[in-house]
Amino acid sequence: MPQATVNGPEVCQARCVHPETVADTRNALHDAETYHHLAALFRALADPTRVKIVHALTRQELCSCDIAGVAGITPSGASQHLRVLRSLRLVKSRRAGKLVYYSIDDAHVTLLVQVSLAHLGHQAGPDDHPQQGARVGDTRVSLAVAAEMGV
């Protein structure tokens, strides 16, 4: 019985390893714990409601009730999502009397959202996502800002 072969861009057609390239790349990587934290960050942002909340907060600070309204969820649901986002230091909170306001924790979070939206703009044209097409174009990443942040 012949073995199935994989043809396509996913794998090399010839099996060869470039030891120097592998060693150099491995040396440039971070420790395993860093990748666990990074995966947790992306898992949090993999939820459409949480990423909607984060995107809304890149525009302005919002109280938890307003976040629930923007996201179309209950205040209890907003609280659960905000707890996850706070634990990963994506958002921060401040109390003003009986209200709790949330904002983006730092500029890196905003940059992450902007870069992601810009990337989506390259994948799908405005015809693919009519409501998002104009919004993606509004979110431009300044290369100078990214360079200052070391990105």
N, C-alpha and C. Protein backbone atom coordinates (compact mmCIF):
# COMPACT_ATOMS: atom_id res chain seq x y z
N MET A 1 0.85 -1.17 0.00
CA MET A 1 0.00 0.00 0.00
C MET A 1 0.90 1.24 0.00
N PRO A 2 0.74 2.15 -0.95
CA PRO A 2 1.59 3.35 -1.00
C PRO A 2 1.27 4.30 0.15
N GLN A 3 2.34 4.96 0.62
CA GLN A 3 2.16 5.95 1.69
C GLN A 3 1.62 7.24 1.10
N ALA A 4 0.77 7.90 1.88
CA ALA A 4 0.23 9.19 1.45
C ALA A 4 1.32 10.23 1.57
N THR A 5 1.45 11.05 0.58
CA THR A 5 2.43 12.12 0.63
C THR A 5 1.69 13.44 0.76
N VAL A 6 2.33 14.34 1.42
CA VAL A 6 1.76 15.66 1.62
C VAL A 6 2.41 16.59 0.60
N ASN A 7 1.60 17.11 -0.28
CA ASN A 7 2.08 18.07 -1.26
C ASN A 7 1.38 19.39 -1.01
N GLY A 8 2.12 20.41 -1.00
CA GLY A 8 1.53 21.72 -0.79
C GLY A 8 2.48 22.63 -0.05
N PRO A 9 2.06 23.84 0.20
CA PRO A 9 2.93 24.83 0.82
C PRO A 9 3.15 24.62 2.32
N GLU A 10 2.43 23.66 2.96
CA GLU A 10 2.49 23.51 4.41
C GLU A 10 3.80 22.90 4.89
N VAL A 11 4.40 22.03 4.09
CA VAL A 11 5.61 21.33 4.52
C VAL A 11 6.65 21.37 3.41
N CYS A 12 7.92 21.24 3.81
CA CYS A 12 9.01 21.17 2.84
C CYS A 12 8.89 19.89 2.04
N GLN A 13 9.25 19.93 0.80
CA GLN A 13 9.24 18.74 -0.04
C GLN A 13 10.48 17.88 0.22
N ALA A 14 11.53 18.47 0.73
CA ALA A 14 12.74 17.75 1.10
C ALA A 14 12.95 17.91 2.59
N ARG A 15 13.35 16.81 3.24
CA ARG A 15 13.57 16.87 4.69
C ARG A 15 15.01 17.31 4.95
N CYS A 16 15.14 18.52 5.45
CA CYS A 16 16.45 19.03 5.81
C CYS A 16 16.28 20.01 6.97
N VAL A 17 17.23 19.99 7.88
CA VAL A 17 17.21 20.90 9.01
C VAL A 17 18.45 21.76 8.92
N HIS A 18 18.28 23.05 9.15
CA HIS A 18 19.41 23.99 9.14
C HIS A 18 19.79 24.25 10.59
N PRO A 19 20.77 23.52 11.12
CA PRO A 19 21.10 23.59 12.55
C PRO A 19 21.40 25.00 13.06
N GLU A 20 22.12 25.78 12.28
CA GLU A 20 22.45 27.14 12.73
C GLU A 20 21.20 28.00 12.85
N THR A 21 20.31 27.87 11.88
CA THR A 21 19.07 28.63 11.89
C THR A 21 18.21 28.24 13.08
N VAL A 22 18.11 26.92 13.32
CA VAL A 22 17.32 26.43 14.45
C VAL A 22 17.91 26.93 15.76
N ALA A 23 19.23 26.83 15.92
CA ALA A 23 19.89 27.26 17.16
C ALA A 23 19.72 28.75 17.38
N ASP A 24 19.93 29.55 16.34
CA ASP A 24 19.79 31.01 16.47
C ASP A 24 18.36 31.39 16.85
N THR A 25 17.39 30.75 16.22
CA THR A 25 15.99 31.07 16.49
C THR A 25 15.61 30.65 17.90
N ARG A 26 16.04 29.45 18.33
CA ARG A 26 15.74 29.01 19.69
C ARG A 26 16.34 29.95 20.73
N ASN A 27 17.54 30.44 20.47
CA ASN A 27 18.19 31.37 21.41
C ASN A 27 17.45 32.70 21.51
N ALA A 28 16.72 33.05 20.47
CA ALA A 28 15.98 34.32 20.48
C ALA A 28 14.62 34.19 21.17
N LEU A 29 14.18 32.97 21.44
CA LEU A 29 12.88 32.77 22.06
C LEU A 29 12.91 33.08 23.55
N HIS A 30 11.72 33.31 24.11
CA HIS A 30 11.57 33.56 25.54
C HIS A 30 11.40 32.25 26.28
N ASP A 31 11.31 32.33 27.59
CA ASP A 31 11.09 31.13 28.40
C ASP A 31 9.65 30.65 28.23
N ALA A 32 9.42 29.40 28.62
CA ALA A 32 8.10 28.77 28.43
C ALA A 32 6.99 29.53 29.14
N GLU A 33 7.27 30.09 30.31
CA GLU A 33 6.24 30.82 31.06
C GLU A 33 5.73 32.02 30.27
N THR A 34 6.62 32.69 29.56
CA THR A 34 6.22 33.84 28.75
C THR A 34 5.18 33.42 27.70
N TYR A 35 5.39 32.26 27.09
CA TYR A 35 4.45 31.80 26.06
C TYR A 35 3.13 31.35 26.67
N HIS A 36 3.15 30.88 27.90
CA HIS A 36 1.90 30.55 28.59
C HIS A 36 1.09 31.83 28.83
N HIS A 37 1.78 32.90 29.26
CA HIS A 37 1.09 34.18 29.47
C HIS A 37 0.57 34.75 28.15
N LEU A 38 1.36 34.63 27.11
CA LEU A 38 0.95 35.14 25.80
C LEU A 38 -0.27 34.37 25.29
N ALA A 39 -0.28 33.07 25.47
CA ALA A 39 -1.43 32.25 25.06
C ALA A 39 -2.67 32.65 25.85
N ALA A 40 -2.51 32.93 27.15
CA ALA A 40 -3.65 33.35 27.97
C ALA A 40 -4.20 34.69 27.47
N LEU A 41 -3.31 35.58 27.08
CA LEU A 41 -3.73 36.87 26.53
C LEU A 41 -4.57 36.67 25.26
N PHE A 42 -4.08 35.83 24.36
CA PHE A 42 -4.83 35.60 23.12
C PHE A 42 -6.11 34.82 23.36
N ARG A 43 -6.12 33.92 24.35
CA ARG A 43 -7.37 33.22 24.68
C ARG A 43 -8.42 34.22 25.16
N ALA A 44 -7.99 35.19 25.97
CA ALA A 44 -8.93 36.20 26.45
C ALA A 44 -9.48 37.02 25.30
N LEU A 45 -8.63 37.36 24.36
CA LEU A 45 -9.07 38.17 23.23
C LEU A 45 -9.74 37.34 22.14
N ALA A 46 -9.76 36.03 22.30
CA ALA A 46 -10.44 35.16 21.34
C ALA A 46 -11.96 35.20 21.53
N ASP A 47 -12.41 35.73 22.66
CA ASP A 47 -13.84 35.85 22.91
C ASP A 47 -14.34 37.14 22.26
N PRO A 48 -15.32 37.06 21.36
CA PRO A 48 -15.80 38.27 20.66
C PRO A 48 -16.31 39.36 21.59
N THR A 49 -16.95 39.01 22.68
CA THR A 49 -17.45 40.03 23.60
C THR A 49 -16.31 40.74 24.29
N ARG A 50 -15.30 39.99 24.72
CA ARG A 50 -14.16 40.63 25.41
C ARG A 50 -13.39 41.53 24.46
N VAL A 51 -13.18 41.08 23.23
CA VAL A 51 -12.43 41.93 22.31
C VAL A 51 -13.25 43.17 21.94
N LYS A 52 -14.57 43.04 21.91
CA LYS A 52 -15.43 44.21 21.68
C LYS A 52 -15.29 45.21 22.83
N ILE A 53 -15.25 44.69 24.06
CA ILE A 53 -15.07 45.55 25.23
C ILE A 53 -13.73 46.27 25.16
N VAL A 54 -12.69 45.52 24.86
CA VAL A 54 -11.35 46.14 24.78
C VAL A 54 -11.33 47.20 23.69
N HIS A 55 -11.92 46.89 22.54
CA HIS A 55 -11.92 47.87 21.45
C HIS A 55 -12.69 49.12 21.86
N ALA A 56 -13.82 48.96 22.51
CA ALA A 56 -14.60 50.12 22.97
C ALA A 56 -13.76 50.96 23.93
N LEU A 57 -13.01 50.30 24.79
CA LEU A 57 -12.21 51.04 25.77
C LEU A 57 -11.00 51.72 25.15
N THR A 58 -10.61 51.34 23.94
CA THR A 58 -9.53 52.08 23.27
C THR A 58 -10.01 53.46 22.86
N ARG A 59 -11.34 53.63 22.76
CA ARG A 59 -11.91 54.91 22.36
C ARG A 59 -12.10 55.85 23.55
N GLN A 60 -12.52 55.27 24.69
CA GLN A 60 -12.77 56.11 25.87
C GLN A 60 -12.98 55.24 27.11
N GLU A 61 -12.82 55.86 28.25
CA GLU A 61 -13.11 55.22 29.52
C GLU A 61 -14.62 55.04 29.64
N LEU A 62 -15.05 53.89 30.16
CA LEU A 62 -16.48 53.62 30.31
C LEU A 62 -16.76 53.01 31.68
N CYS A 63 -17.94 53.32 32.24
CA CYS A 63 -18.34 52.66 33.48
C CYS A 63 -18.83 51.26 33.13
N SER A 64 -18.88 50.39 34.12
CA SER A 64 -19.23 49.00 33.87
C SER A 64 -20.65 48.87 33.29
N CYS A 65 -21.58 49.74 33.68
CA CYS A 65 -22.94 49.69 33.13
C CYS A 65 -22.94 50.05 31.64
N ASP A 66 -22.13 51.05 31.28
CA ASP A 66 -22.03 51.44 29.87
C ASP A 66 -21.36 50.33 29.06
N ILE A 67 -20.38 49.65 29.64
CA ILE A 67 -19.72 48.54 28.95
C ILE A 67 -20.74 47.45 28.65
N ALA A 68 -21.60 47.15 29.63
CA ALA A 68 -22.64 46.15 29.41
C ALA A 68 -23.54 46.57 28.25
N GLY A 69 -23.92 47.85 28.21
CA GLY A 69 -24.77 48.35 27.13
C GLY A 69 -24.09 48.29 25.78
N VAL A 70 -22.83 48.69 25.73
CA VAL A 70 -22.08 48.67 24.47
C VAL A 70 -21.95 47.24 23.96
N ALA A 71 -21.64 46.32 24.86
CA ALA A 71 -21.41 44.92 24.47
C ALA A 71 -22.70 44.14 24.29
N GLY A 72 -23.82 44.71 24.74
CA GLY A 72 -25.10 44.02 24.61
C GLY A 72 -25.22 42.83 25.55
N ILE A 73 -24.68 42.97 26.75
CA ILE A 73 -24.73 41.89 27.74
C ILE A 73 -25.24 42.44 29.06
N THR A 74 -25.50 41.56 30.01
CA THR A 74 -25.97 41.99 31.33
C THR A 74 -24.81 42.58 32.13
N PRO A 75 -25.10 43.40 33.14
CA PRO A 75 -24.02 43.90 34.01
C PRO A 75 -23.22 42.76 34.66
N SER A 76 -23.90 41.67 35.00
CA SER A 76 -23.21 40.52 35.56
C SER A 76 -22.25 39.90 34.55
N GLY A 77 -22.68 39.79 33.32
CA GLY A 77 -21.82 39.27 32.25
C GLY A 77 -20.63 40.18 32.01
N ALA A 78 -20.88 41.49 32.03
CA ALA A 78 -19.79 42.45 31.85
C ALA A 78 -18.76 42.29 32.98
N SER A 79 -19.26 42.12 34.20
CA SER A 79 -18.36 41.95 35.34
C SER A 79 -17.46 40.74 35.16
N GLN A 80 -18.02 39.64 34.67
CA GLN A 80 -17.22 38.43 34.46
C GLN A 80 -16.15 38.65 33.41
N HIS A 81 -16.51 39.30 32.30
CA HIS A 81 -15.53 39.58 31.25
C HIS A 81 -14.46 40.56 31.75
N LEU A 82 -14.88 41.58 32.48
CA LEU A 82 -13.92 42.57 32.98
C LEU A 82 -12.95 41.95 33.98
N ARG A 83 -13.41 40.98 34.75
CA ARG A 83 -12.53 40.30 35.70
C ARG A 83 -11.39 39.60 34.95
N VAL A 84 -11.73 38.93 33.85
CA VAL A 84 -10.71 38.24 33.04
C VAL A 84 -9.74 39.27 32.46
N LEU A 85 -10.27 40.34 31.90
CA LEU A 85 -9.43 41.36 31.27
C LEU A 85 -8.52 42.06 32.29
N ARG A 86 -9.04 42.30 33.50
CA ARG A 86 -8.22 42.91 34.55
C ARG A 86 -7.11 41.97 35.00
N SER A 87 -7.42 40.68 35.12
CA SER A 87 -6.42 39.73 35.60
C SER A 87 -5.24 39.63 34.64
N LEU A 88 -5.47 39.91 33.36
CA LEU A 88 -4.40 39.88 32.37
C LEU A 88 -3.80 41.27 32.12
N ARG A 89 -4.23 42.24 32.89
CA ARG A 89 -3.74 43.63 32.80
C ARG A 89 -4.00 44.25 31.43
N LEU A 90 -5.13 43.87 30.84
CA LEU A 90 -5.55 44.51 29.60
C LEU A 90 -6.34 45.78 29.90
N VAL A 91 -7.10 45.76 30.99
CA VAL A 91 -7.86 46.92 31.43
C VAL A 91 -7.57 47.19 32.90
N LYS A 92 -7.84 48.42 33.30
CA LYS A 92 -7.72 48.79 34.71
C LYS A 92 -8.99 49.51 35.12
N SER A 93 -9.22 49.58 36.42
CA SER A 93 -10.45 50.19 36.90
C SER A 93 -10.14 51.29 37.90
N ARG A 94 -11.12 52.17 38.05
CA ARG A 94 -11.05 53.20 39.10
C ARG A 94 -12.47 53.43 39.59
N ARG A 95 -12.60 53.63 40.88
CA ARG A 95 -13.90 53.85 41.50
C ARG A 95 -14.14 55.36 41.63
N ALA A 96 -15.35 55.77 41.30
CA ALA A 96 -15.78 57.15 41.47
C ALA A 96 -17.14 57.10 42.16
N GLY A 97 -17.13 57.14 43.48
CA GLY A 97 -18.37 57.00 44.23
C GLY A 97 -18.92 55.60 44.07
N LYS A 98 -20.13 55.50 43.56
CA LYS A 98 -20.75 54.19 43.37
C LYS A 98 -20.46 53.58 42.00
N LEU A 99 -19.77 54.32 41.15
CA LEU A 99 -19.48 53.84 39.80
C LEU A 99 -18.05 53.33 39.70
N VAL A 100 -17.85 52.34 38.83
CA VAL A 100 -16.51 51.83 38.53
C VAL A 100 -16.27 52.05 37.05
N TYR A 101 -15.20 52.79 36.75
CA TYR A 101 -14.84 53.10 35.37
C TYR A 101 -13.66 52.24 34.95
N TYR A 102 -13.70 51.82 33.68
CA TYR A 102 -12.64 50.99 33.13
C TYR A 102 -11.98 51.72 31.97
N SER A 103 -10.69 51.47 31.84
CA SER A 103 -9.92 52.01 30.72
C SER A 103 -8.85 50.99 30.35
N ILE A 104 -8.22 51.22 29.22
CA ILE A 104 -7.12 50.36 28.76
C ILE A 104 -5.96 50.51 29.73
N ASP A 105 -5.32 49.40 30.06
CA ASP A 105 -4.23 49.43 31.04
C ASP A 105 -3.01 50.19 30.53
N ASP A 106 -2.61 49.99 29.28
CA ASP A 106 -1.50 50.77 28.73
C ASP A 106 -1.58 50.82 27.21
N ALA A 107 -0.72 51.62 26.61
CA ALA A 107 -0.78 51.86 25.17
C ALA A 107 -0.52 50.60 24.35
N HIS A 108 0.17 49.61 24.91
CA HIS A 108 0.43 48.38 24.17
C HIS A 108 -0.87 47.65 23.82
N VAL A 109 -1.85 47.73 24.70
CA VAL A 109 -3.13 47.07 24.45
C VAL A 109 -3.82 47.73 23.26
N THR A 110 -3.81 49.05 23.24
CA THR A 110 -4.39 49.78 22.11
C THR A 110 -3.67 49.43 20.82
N LEU A 111 -2.35 49.38 20.87
CA LEU A 111 -1.57 49.04 19.69
C LEU A 111 -1.89 47.63 19.20
N LEU A 112 -2.05 46.69 20.13
CA LEU A 112 -2.41 45.32 19.77
C LEU A 112 -3.73 45.29 19.01
N VAL A 113 -4.72 46.03 19.49
CA VAL A 113 -6.03 46.07 18.83
C VAL A 113 -5.90 46.75 17.47
N GLN A 114 -5.17 47.85 17.40
CA GLN A 114 -5.01 48.56 16.13
C GLN A 114 -4.31 47.70 15.09
N VAL A 115 -3.25 47.03 15.49
CA VAL A 115 -2.53 46.17 14.55
C VAL A 115 -3.43 45.02 14.08
N SER A 116 -4.19 44.46 15.00
CA SER A 116 -5.09 43.36 14.63
C SER A 116 -6.16 43.82 13.65
N LEU A 117 -6.74 44.98 13.90
CA LEU A 117 -7.75 45.51 12.98
C LEU A 117 -7.14 45.85 11.62
N ALA A 118 -5.92 46.38 11.63
CA ALA A 118 -5.25 46.67 10.37
C ALA A 118 -4.99 45.38 9.61
N HIS A 119 -4.61 44.33 10.33
CA HIS A 119 -4.38 43.03 9.70
C HIS A 119 -5.67 42.51 9.07
N LEU A 120 -6.79 42.64 9.76
CA LEU A 120 -8.07 42.21 9.21
C LEU A 120 -8.40 42.99 7.94
N GLY A 121 -8.02 44.24 7.91
CA GLY A 121 -8.26 45.07 6.73
C GLY A 121 -7.50 44.57 5.52
N HIS A 122 -6.35 43.91 5.75
CA HIS A 122 -5.58 43.35 4.65
C HIS A 122 -6.17 42.01 4.18
N GLN A 123 -6.86 41.31 5.08
CA GLN A 123 -7.42 40.00 4.74
C GLN A 123 -8.75 40.12 4.03
N ALA A 124 -9.56 41.05 4.45
CA ALA A 124 -10.92 41.15 3.90
C ALA A 124 -11.16 42.57 3.42
N GLY A 125 -11.73 42.67 2.24
CA GLY A 125 -12.06 43.98 1.71
C GLY A 125 -13.35 44.49 2.31
N PRO A 126 -13.66 45.76 2.10
CA PRO A 126 -14.90 46.34 2.62
C PRO A 126 -16.14 45.60 2.15
N ASP A 127 -16.09 44.97 0.97
CA ASP A 127 -17.26 44.23 0.47
C ASP A 127 -17.51 42.98 1.29
N ASP A 128 -16.44 42.40 1.89
CA ASP A 128 -16.59 41.20 2.69
C ASP A 128 -17.25 41.49 4.03
N HIS A 129 -16.99 42.66 4.58
CA HIS A 129 -17.55 43.07 5.87
C HIS A 129 -18.02 44.52 5.73
N PRO A 130 -19.17 44.74 5.13
CA PRO A 130 -19.60 46.10 4.84
C PRO A 130 -19.60 47.03 6.04
N GLN A 131 -20.04 46.54 7.19
CA GLN A 131 -20.10 47.43 8.36
C GLN A 131 -18.72 47.67 8.93
N GLN A 132 -17.82 46.70 8.79
CA GLN A 132 -16.49 46.85 9.37
C GLN A 132 -15.53 47.55 8.42
N GLY A 133 -15.80 47.49 7.10
CA GLY A 133 -14.85 48.01 6.13
C GLY A 133 -14.39 49.42 6.43
N ALA A 134 -15.33 50.32 6.70
CA ALA A 134 -14.96 51.71 6.98
C ALA A 134 -14.26 51.83 8.32
N ARG A 135 -14.68 51.03 9.30
CA ARG A 135 -14.10 51.12 10.63
C ARG A 135 -12.64 50.67 10.63
N VAL A 136 -12.33 49.60 9.87
CA VAL A 136 -10.96 49.10 9.82
C VAL A 136 -10.06 50.17 9.23
N GLY A 137 -10.53 50.86 8.20
CA GLY A 137 -9.72 51.90 7.58
C GLY A 137 -9.44 53.06 8.52
N ASP A 138 -10.32 53.28 9.51
CA ASP A 138 -10.12 54.37 10.45
C ASP A 138 -9.03 54.06 11.48
N THR A 139 -8.74 52.78 11.65
CA THR A 139 -7.77 52.38 12.66
C THR A 139 -6.43 52.18 11.99
N ARG A 140 -5.61 53.21 12.00
CA ARG A 140 -4.30 53.15 11.36
C ARG A 140 -3.23 53.12 12.45
N VAL A 141 -2.23 52.32 12.19
CA VAL A 141 -1.14 52.19 13.14
C VAL A 141 -0.03 53.11 12.70
N SER A 142 0.39 53.97 13.58
CA SER A 142 1.51 54.85 13.29
C SER A 142 2.80 54.07 13.49
N LEU A 143 3.58 53.98 12.43
CA LEU A 143 4.86 53.26 12.51
C LEU A 143 5.79 53.93 13.52
N ALA A 144 5.70 55.26 13.63
CA ALA A 144 6.55 55.95 14.59
C ALA A 144 6.18 55.56 16.02
N VAL A 145 4.88 55.45 16.31
CA VAL A 145 4.43 55.05 17.64
C VAL A 145 4.86 53.62 17.91
N ALA A 146 4.68 52.75 16.94
CA ALA A 146 5.08 51.35 17.10
C ALA A 146 6.58 51.24 17.35
N ALA A 147 7.36 52.03 16.64
CA ALA A 147 8.82 52.00 16.81
C ALA A 147 9.21 52.50 18.20
N GLU A 148 8.53 53.54 18.68
CA GLU A 148 8.81 54.05 20.02
C GLU A 148 8.52 53.00 21.08
N MET A 149 7.51 52.17 20.82
CA MET A 149 7.11 51.16 21.80
C MET A 149 7.97 49.89 21.67
N GLY A 150 8.87 49.88 20.69
CA GLY A 150 9.73 48.73 20.52
C GLY A 150 9.06 47.58 19.82
N VAL A 151 8.01 47.89 19.05
CA VAL A 151 7.29 46.83 18.34
C VAL A 151 7.83 46.71 16.94
